[in-house]
Amino acid sequence: MDYLYYLGNASLVLRVIEYLKNGSTEPIQFATVLHQLDGWIVRVVCTSRWSAHRQGDLRAFLEELGVVYRPTPRLQRVLFDLEDGHSPIEVMQRYQVAVIVHGQPDRSEIESFRQQFIQGLGYCPETLG
């Protein structure tokens, strides 16, 4: 199953990452985290080993934190290219989008992005809180 959600800030994204790493016994196929000026897009693709019950739990968890996201055609191409094996750097350059995570989710990548972004701006925007 494939889940695509919009989340308002980095703290919510970190909660999703923790859930996937610690709260789930089944592995995921991959996760993608994109940052936009107004929030975050999180895509989770589960392996076929996930039961319908566990998928329902994941969906309920994601719906508590965010809303289902309907991607624009441009963002659909971004997600397709990443899934098709293009490197995140290549995709970022081609589509001018911030790919923070693609593959197995890692909390440190999000925290590092957040720190660098805040340091560059000199303040913390609401989406990075």
C-alpha atoms as a PDB file:
ATOM      1  CA  MET A   1       0.000   0.000   0.000  1.00  0.00           C
ATOM      2  CA  ASP A   2       1.007   3.544  -0.720  1.00  0.00           C
ATOM      3  CA  TYR A   3       0.221   6.415   1.665  1.00  0.00           C
ATOM      4  CA  LEU A   4       0.753  10.085   0.822  1.00  0.00           C
ATOM      5  CA  TYR A   5       0.115  12.727   3.478  1.00  0.00           C
ATOM      6  CA  TYR A   6       0.645  16.428   4.072  1.00  0.00           C
ATOM      7  CA  LEU A   7       1.998  17.331   7.523  1.00  0.00           C
ATOM      8  CA  GLY A   8       2.274  20.842   8.925  1.00  0.00           C
ATOM      9  CA  ASN A   9       5.634  20.746  10.685  1.00  0.00           C
ATOM     10  CA  ALA A  10       8.845  18.818  11.250  1.00  0.00           C
ATOM     11  CA  SER A  11       7.817  17.535  14.683  1.00  0.00           C
ATOM     12  CA  LEU A  12       4.944  15.634  13.087  1.00  0.00           C
ATOM     13  CA  VAL A  13       7.256  14.191  10.429  1.00  0.00           C
ATOM     14  CA  LEU A  14       9.640  13.019  13.149  1.00  0.00           C
ATOM     15  CA  ARG A  15       6.739  11.273  14.902  1.00  0.00           C
ATOM     16  CA  VAL A  16       5.966   9.393  11.672  1.00  0.00           C
ATOM     17  CA  ILE A  17       9.620   8.371  11.323  1.00  0.00           C
ATOM     18  CA  GLU A  18       9.674   7.112  14.917  1.00  0.00           C
ATOM     19  CA  TYR A  19       6.451   5.176  14.356  1.00  0.00           C
ATOM     20  CA  LEU A  20       7.893   3.507  11.265  1.00  0.00           C
ATOM     21  CA  LYS A  21      11.181   2.638  12.972  1.00  0.00           C
ATOM     22  CA  ASN A  22       9.990   1.678  16.452  1.00  0.00           C
ATOM     23  CA  GLY A  23       6.244   1.155  16.426  1.00  0.00           C
ATOM     24  CA  SER A  24       6.012  -1.154  13.480  1.00  0.00           C
ATOM     25  CA  THR A  25       7.188  -4.732  13.316  1.00  0.00           C
ATOM     26  CA  GLU A  26       6.824  -4.958   9.542  1.00  0.00           C
ATOM     27  CA  PRO A  27       9.421  -3.301   7.310  1.00  0.00           C
ATOM     28  CA  ILE A  28       8.417  -0.688   4.787  1.00  0.00           C
ATOM     29  CA  GLN A  29       9.469  -0.735   1.165  1.00  0.00           C
ATOM     30  CA  PHE A  30      10.515   2.934   1.366  1.00  0.00           C
ATOM     31  CA  ALA A  31       9.547   6.353   2.664  1.00  0.00           C
ATOM     32  CA  THR A  32       9.899   9.717   0.965  1.00  0.00           C
ATOM     33  CA  VAL A  33       9.905  13.039   2.799  1.00  0.00           C
ATOM     34  CA  LEU A  34       9.716  16.300   0.874  1.00  0.00           C
ATOM     35  CA  HIS A  35       9.853  19.789   2.378  1.00  0.00           C
ATOM     36  CA  GLN A  36       7.818  22.625   0.929  1.00  0.00           C
ATOM     37  CA  LEU A  37       7.553  26.181   2.210  1.00  0.00           C
ATOM     38  CA  ASP A  38       4.096  25.524   3.654  1.00  0.00           C
ATOM     39  CA  GLY A  39       4.708  22.044   5.101  1.00  0.00           C
ATOM     40  CA  TRP A  40       5.900  18.508   4.457  1.00  0.00           C
ATOM     41  CA  ILE A  41       4.851  15.714   2.127  1.00  0.00           C
ATOM     42  CA  VAL A  42       5.378  12.178   3.468  1.00  0.00           C
ATOM     43  CA  ARG A  43       4.970   9.072   1.352  1.00  0.00           C
ATOM     44  CA  VAL A  44       5.124   5.607   2.882  1.00  0.00           C
ATOM     45  CA  VAL A  45       5.079   2.479   0.727  1.00  0.00           C
ATOM     46  CA  CYS A  46       4.524  -0.728   2.687  1.00  0.00           C
ATOM     47  CA  THR A  47       5.705  -4.186   1.746  1.00  0.00           C
ATOM     48  CA  SER A  48       3.181  -6.897   0.960  1.00  0.00           C
ATOM     49  CA  ARG A  49       3.782  -8.402   4.420  1.00  0.00           C
ATOM     50  CA  TRP A  50       1.669  -5.721   6.083  1.00  0.00           C
ATOM     51  CA  SER A  51      -1.689  -7.078   7.216  1.00  0.00           C
ATOM     52  CA  ALA A  52      -4.870  -5.131   6.536  1.00  0.00           C
ATOM     53  CA  HIS A  53      -5.112  -4.445  10.267  1.00  0.00           C
ATOM     54  CA  ARG A  54      -1.572  -2.958  10.459  1.00  0.00           C
ATOM     55  CA  GLN A  55      -2.232  -0.874   7.349  1.00  0.00           C
ATOM     56  CA  GLY A  56      -5.372   0.446   9.013  1.00  0.00           C
ATOM     57  CA  ASP A  57      -3.350   1.347  12.108  1.00  0.00           C
ATOM     58  CA  LEU A  58      -0.808   3.200   9.964  1.00  0.00           C
ATOM     59  CA  ARG A  59      -3.533   5.041   8.065  1.00  0.00           C
ATOM     60  CA  ALA A  60      -5.238   6.060  11.343  1.00  0.00           C
ATOM     61  CA  PHE A  61      -1.915   7.272  12.762  1.00  0.00           C
ATOM     62  CA  LEU A  62      -1.163   9.327   9.651  1.00  0.00           C
ATOM     63  CA  GLU A  63      -4.663  10.821   9.645  1.00  0.00           C
ATOM     64  CA  GLU A  64      -4.198  11.951  13.244  1.00  0.00           C
ATOM     65  CA  LEU A  65      -1.121  13.921  12.229  1.00  0.00           C
ATOM     66  CA  GLY A  66      -1.956  15.155   8.742  1.00  0.00           C
ATOM     67  CA  VAL A  67      -4.262  14.984   5.764  1.00  0.00           C
ATOM     68  CA  VAL A  68      -4.285  12.846   2.647  1.00  0.00           C
ATOM     69  CA  TYR A  69      -2.330  14.670  -0.046  1.00  0.00           C
ATOM     70  CA  ARG A  70      -3.306  14.809  -3.710  1.00  0.00           C
ATOM     71  CA  PRO A  71      -0.108  15.546  -5.630  1.00  0.00           C
ATOM     72  CA  THR A  72       0.138  17.978  -8.487  1.00  0.00           C
ATOM     73  CA  PRO A  73       1.341  16.524 -11.807  1.00  0.00           C
ATOM     74  CA  ARG A  74       4.823  17.939 -11.105  1.00  0.00           C
ATOM     75  CA  LEU A  75       4.954  16.276  -7.690  1.00  0.00           C
ATOM     76  CA  GLN A  76       3.686  13.020  -9.202  1.00  0.00           C
ATOM     77  CA  ARG A  77       6.700  13.092 -11.536  1.00  0.00           C
ATOM     78  CA  VAL A  78       9.007  13.752  -8.556  1.00  0.00           C
ATOM     79  CA  LEU A  79       7.626  10.738  -6.691  1.00  0.00           C
ATOM     80  CA  PHE A  80       7.703   8.546  -9.795  1.00  0.00           C
ATOM     81  CA  ASP A  81      11.318   9.448 -10.595  1.00  0.00           C
ATOM     82  CA  LEU A  82      12.405   8.688  -7.031  1.00  0.00           C
ATOM     83  CA  GLU A  83      10.604   5.343  -7.073  1.00  0.00           C
ATOM     84  CA  ASP A  84      12.081   4.613 -10.489  1.00  0.00           C
ATOM     85  CA  GLY A  85      15.583   4.837  -9.029  1.00  0.00           C
ATOM     86  CA  HIS A  86      16.688   8.365  -9.905  1.00  0.00           C
ATOM     87  CA  SER A  87      18.943   9.853  -7.243  1.00  0.00           C
ATOM     88  CA  PRO A  88      17.394  12.393  -4.866  1.00  0.00           C
ATOM     89  CA  ILE A  89      20.002  14.976  -5.934  1.00  0.00           C
ATOM     90  CA  GLU A  90      19.104  14.529  -9.602  1.00  0.00           C
ATOM     91  CA  VAL A  91      15.387  14.862  -8.775  1.00  0.00           C
ATOM     92  CA  MET A  92      16.001  17.974  -6.654  1.00  0.00           C
ATOM     93  CA  GLN A  93      17.923  19.621  -9.472  1.00  0.00           C
ATOM     94  CA  ARG A  94      15.392  18.661 -12.141  1.00  0.00           C
ATOM     95  CA  TYR A  95      12.241  19.700 -10.258  1.00  0.00           C
ATOM     96  CA  GLN A  96      13.543  22.271  -7.748  1.00  0.00           C
ATOM     97  CA  VAL A  97      12.091  20.356  -4.796  1.00  0.00           C
ATOM     98  CA  ALA A  98      13.668  19.539  -1.420  1.00  0.00           C
ATOM     99  CA  VAL A  99      13.956  15.754  -1.067  1.00  0.00           C
ATOM    100  CA  ILE A 100      14.919  15.184   2.556  1.00  0.00           C
ATOM    101  CA  VAL A 101      14.511  11.399   2.786  1.00  0.00           C
ATOM    102  CA  HIS A 102      14.051   8.671   0.210  1.00  0.00           C
ATOM    103  CA  GLY A 103      14.536   5.057   1.219  1.00  0.00           C
ATOM    104  CA  GLN A 104      14.607   3.883   4.804  1.00  0.00           C
ATOM    105  CA  PRO A 105      13.545   6.790   7.022  1.00  0.00           C
ATOM    106  CA  ASP A 106      16.213   8.402   9.155  1.00  0.00           C
ATOM    107  CA  ARG A 107      15.416  10.937  11.848  1.00  0.00           C
ATOM    108  CA  SER A 108      18.905  12.468  11.638  1.00  0.00           C
ATOM    109  CA  GLU A 109      18.391  13.575   8.019  1.00  0.00           C
ATOM    110  CA  ILE A 110      15.311  15.579   8.966  1.00  0.00           C
ATOM    111  CA  GLU A 111      16.966  17.085  12.027  1.00  0.00           C
ATOM    112  CA  SER A 112      20.057  18.013  10.006  1.00  0.00           C
ATOM    113  CA  PHE A 113      17.947  19.671   7.301  1.00  0.00           C
ATOM    114  CA  ARG A 114      15.982  21.535   9.950  1.00  0.00           C
ATOM    115  CA  GLN A 115      19.132  22.847  11.684  1.00  0.00           C
ATOM    116  CA  GLN A 116      20.772  23.951   8.429  1.00  0.00           C
ATOM    117  CA  PHE A 117      17.615  25.679   7.206  1.00  0.00           C
ATOM    118  CA  ILE A 118      17.113  27.517  10.512  1.00  0.00           C
ATOM    119  CA  GLN A 119      20.776  28.508  10.657  1.00  0.00           C
ATOM    120  CA  GLY A 120      20.591  29.914   7.130  1.00  0.00           C
ATOM    121  CA  LEU A 121      17.442  31.920   7.879  1.00  0.00           C
ATOM    122  CA  GLY A 122      18.358  33.025  11.366  1.00  0.00           C
ATOM    123  CA  TYR A 123      14.944  32.049  12.736  1.00  0.00           C
ATOM    124  CA  CYS A 124      12.669  29.008  12.894  1.00  0.00           C
ATOM    125  CA  PRO A 125       9.674  29.037  10.527  1.00  0.00           C
ATOM    126  CA  GLU A 126       6.510  27.360  11.787  1.00  0.00           C
ATOM    127  CA  THR A 127       6.932  24.383   9.432  1.00  0.00           C
ATOM    128  CA  LEU A 128      10.310  23.518  10.955  1.00  0.00           C
ATOM    129  CA  GLY A 129       9.068  23.536  14.553  1.00  0.00           C
END
